[in-house]
Amino acid sequence: MSGRDRYNEPLRLKERILHFDVAELKKAAAAAVTKDVAGVQSFHKVAGGGFNGVFELTIDGLQPIARLPYPSTYPKHFSVASEVATMDLIRS
């Protein structure tokens, strides 16, 4: 399946519209790497998959990634928890 032949694609795309406050995301990302939000040099979308929007920031030379689940992704907690558990397993 190419992704272009999905059933009711316009509705599926509409379900993935992600509304968020960019300024607040920048603040949260800066805080996560213990930097000041004034150090944010860039912010751009890296990818959009079936479940998440992925954004990259550059903050004082660091490049944190923000992954935001689409509104249609359920249950949000378990989708993220599963990925965290997988990364923990790989690290161990």
C-alpha atoms as a PDB file:
ATOM      1  CA  MET A   1       0.000   0.000   0.000  1.00  0.00           C
ATOM      2  CA  SER A   2       1.524   3.301  -1.048  1.00  0.00           C
ATOM      3  CA  GLY A   3      -0.332   5.484   1.451  1.00  0.00           C
ATOM      4  CA  ARG A   4      -2.113   7.268  -1.397  1.00  0.00           C
ATOM      5  CA  ASP A   5      -4.680   4.540  -1.815  1.00  0.00           C
ATOM      6  CA  ARG A   6      -5.967   4.602   1.762  1.00  0.00           C
ATOM      7  CA  TYR A   7      -9.669   4.454   2.444  1.00  0.00           C
ATOM      8  CA  ASN A   8     -11.131   7.940   2.961  1.00  0.00           C
ATOM      9  CA  GLU A   9      -7.733   9.652   2.864  1.00  0.00           C
ATOM     10  CA  PRO A  10      -9.017  13.245   3.266  1.00  0.00           C
ATOM     11  CA  LEU A  11     -10.644  12.280   6.576  1.00  0.00           C
ATOM     12  CA  ARG A  12      -7.539  10.370   7.724  1.00  0.00           C
ATOM     13  CA  LEU A  13      -5.362  13.437   6.975  1.00  0.00           C
ATOM     14  CA  LYS A  14      -7.790  15.735   8.783  1.00  0.00           C
ATOM     15  CA  GLU A  15      -7.606  13.487  11.870  1.00  0.00           C
ATOM     16  CA  ARG A  16      -3.836  14.047  11.970  1.00  0.00           C
ATOM     17  CA  ILE A  17      -3.948  17.858  12.160  1.00  0.00           C
ATOM     18  CA  LEU A  18      -1.893  18.730  15.213  1.00  0.00           C
ATOM     19  CA  HIS A  19      -2.542  22.016  17.001  1.00  0.00           C
ATOM     20  CA  PHE A  20       0.104  23.061  19.528  1.00  0.00           C
ATOM     21  CA  ASP A  21       1.794  26.180  20.871  1.00  0.00           C
ATOM     22  CA  VAL A  22       5.225  26.460  19.224  1.00  0.00           C
ATOM     23  CA  ALA A  23       6.488  28.945  21.844  1.00  0.00           C
ATOM     24  CA  GLU A  24       5.542  26.545  24.655  1.00  0.00           C
ATOM     25  CA  LEU A  25       7.179  23.620  22.886  1.00  0.00           C
ATOM     26  CA  LYS A  26      10.373  25.663  22.526  1.00  0.00           C
ATOM     27  CA  LYS A  27      10.259  26.486  26.264  1.00  0.00           C
ATOM     28  CA  ALA A  28       9.736  22.838  27.184  1.00  0.00           C
ATOM     29  CA  ALA A  29      12.548  21.661  24.902  1.00  0.00           C
ATOM     30  CA  ALA A  30      14.941  24.281  26.264  1.00  0.00           C
ATOM     31  CA  ALA A  31      14.060  23.307  29.834  1.00  0.00           C
ATOM     32  CA  ALA A  32      14.587  19.620  29.000  1.00  0.00           C
ATOM     33  CA  VAL A  33      18.201  20.312  28.024  1.00  0.00           C
ATOM     34  CA  THR A  34      18.668  22.906  30.815  1.00  0.00           C
ATOM     35  CA  LYS A  35      19.065  25.827  28.412  1.00  0.00           C
ATOM     36  CA  ASP A  36      17.327  29.169  28.117  1.00  0.00           C
ATOM     37  CA  VAL A  37      14.602  29.497  25.486  1.00  0.00           C
ATOM     38  CA  ALA A  38      16.526  32.486  24.095  1.00  0.00           C
ATOM     39  CA  GLY A  39      19.120  29.951  22.902  1.00  0.00           C
ATOM     40  CA  VAL A  40      16.689  28.314  20.456  1.00  0.00           C
ATOM     41  CA  GLN A  41      18.263  28.890  17.045  1.00  0.00           C
ATOM     42  CA  SER A  42      15.964  26.808  14.850  1.00  0.00           C
ATOM     43  CA  PHE A  43      12.768  24.808  14.885  1.00  0.00           C
ATOM     44  CA  HIS A  44      11.503  22.706  11.999  1.00  0.00           C
ATOM     45  CA  LYS A  45       9.398  19.676  11.192  1.00  0.00           C
ATOM     46  CA  VAL A  46      11.488  16.613  10.442  1.00  0.00           C
ATOM     47  CA  ALA A  47       8.786  14.093   9.629  1.00  0.00           C
ATOM     48  CA  GLY A  48       5.190  13.151   9.998  1.00  0.00           C
ATOM     49  CA  GLY A  49       4.332   9.515  10.265  1.00  0.00           C
ATOM     50  CA  GLY A  50       1.074   7.729  10.838  1.00  0.00           C
ATOM     51  CA  PHE A  51       1.060   8.401  14.569  1.00  0.00           C
ATOM     52  CA  ASN A  52       3.341  11.377  15.342  1.00  0.00           C
ATOM     53  CA  GLY A  53       4.696  14.692  14.173  1.00  0.00           C
ATOM     54  CA  VAL A  54       8.473  14.955  14.686  1.00  0.00           C
ATOM     55  CA  PHE A  55      10.252  18.288  15.148  1.00  0.00           C
ATOM     56  CA  GLU A  56      13.925  19.158  15.576  1.00  0.00           C
ATOM     57  CA  LEU A  57      15.214  22.165  17.467  1.00  0.00           C
ATOM     58  CA  THR A  58      18.694  23.592  17.707  1.00  0.00           C
ATOM     59  CA  ILE A  59      19.406  25.058  21.134  1.00  0.00           C
ATOM     60  CA  ASP A  60      22.936  26.306  21.868  1.00  0.00           C
ATOM     61  CA  GLY A  61      24.437  23.590  19.675  1.00  0.00           C
ATOM     62  CA  LEU A  62      22.192  20.779  20.962  1.00  0.00           C
ATOM     63  CA  GLN A  63      19.552  19.211  18.713  1.00  0.00           C
ATOM     64  CA  PRO A  64      16.692  17.765  20.746  1.00  0.00           C
ATOM     65  CA  ILE A  65      13.826  16.032  18.962  1.00  0.00           C
ATOM     66  CA  ALA A  66      10.183  16.551  19.916  1.00  0.00           C
ATOM     67  CA  ARG A  67       7.718  13.830  18.989  1.00  0.00           C
ATOM     68  CA  LEU A  68       4.081  14.829  19.340  1.00  0.00           C
ATOM     69  CA  PRO A  69       1.323  12.243  18.906  1.00  0.00           C
ATOM     70  CA  TYR A  70      -1.476  13.131  16.515  1.00  0.00           C
ATOM     71  CA  PRO A  71      -4.927  13.637  18.059  1.00  0.00           C
ATOM     72  CA  SER A  72      -6.094  10.384  16.435  1.00  0.00           C
ATOM     73  CA  THR A  73      -3.384   8.306  18.188  1.00  0.00           C
ATOM     74  CA  TYR A  74      -4.969   6.250  21.014  1.00  0.00           C
ATOM     75  CA  PRO A  75      -4.161   5.380  23.676  1.00  0.00           C
ATOM     76  CA  LYS A  76      -1.452   8.053  23.763  1.00  0.00           C
ATOM     77  CA  HIS A  77       0.181   6.884  26.980  1.00  0.00           C
ATOM     78  CA  PHE A  78       0.637   3.314  25.824  1.00  0.00           C
ATOM     79  CA  SER A  79       1.964   4.249  22.391  1.00  0.00           C
ATOM     80  CA  VAL A  80       4.692   6.382  23.953  1.00  0.00           C
ATOM     81  CA  ALA A  81       5.318   3.977  26.837  1.00  0.00           C
ATOM     82  CA  SER A  82       5.828   1.135  24.373  1.00  0.00           C
ATOM     83  CA  GLU A  83       8.459   3.083  22.458  1.00  0.00           C
ATOM     84  CA  VAL A  84      10.255   4.091  25.684  1.00  0.00           C
ATOM     85  CA  ALA A  85      10.279   0.468  26.850  1.00  0.00           C
ATOM     86  CA  THR A  86      11.705  -0.639  23.508  1.00  0.00           C
ATOM     87  CA  MET A  87      14.497   1.972  23.716  1.00  0.00           C
ATOM     88  CA  ASP A  88      15.266   0.936  27.316  1.00  0.00           C
ATOM     89  CA  LEU A  89      15.487  -2.703  26.243  1.00  0.00           C
ATOM     90  CA  ILE A  90      17.851  -1.855  23.392  1.00  0.00           C
ATOM     91  CA  ARG A  91      20.076   0.210  25.716  1.00  0.00           C
ATOM     92  CA  SER A  92      20.320  -2.672  28.216  1.00  0.00           C
END
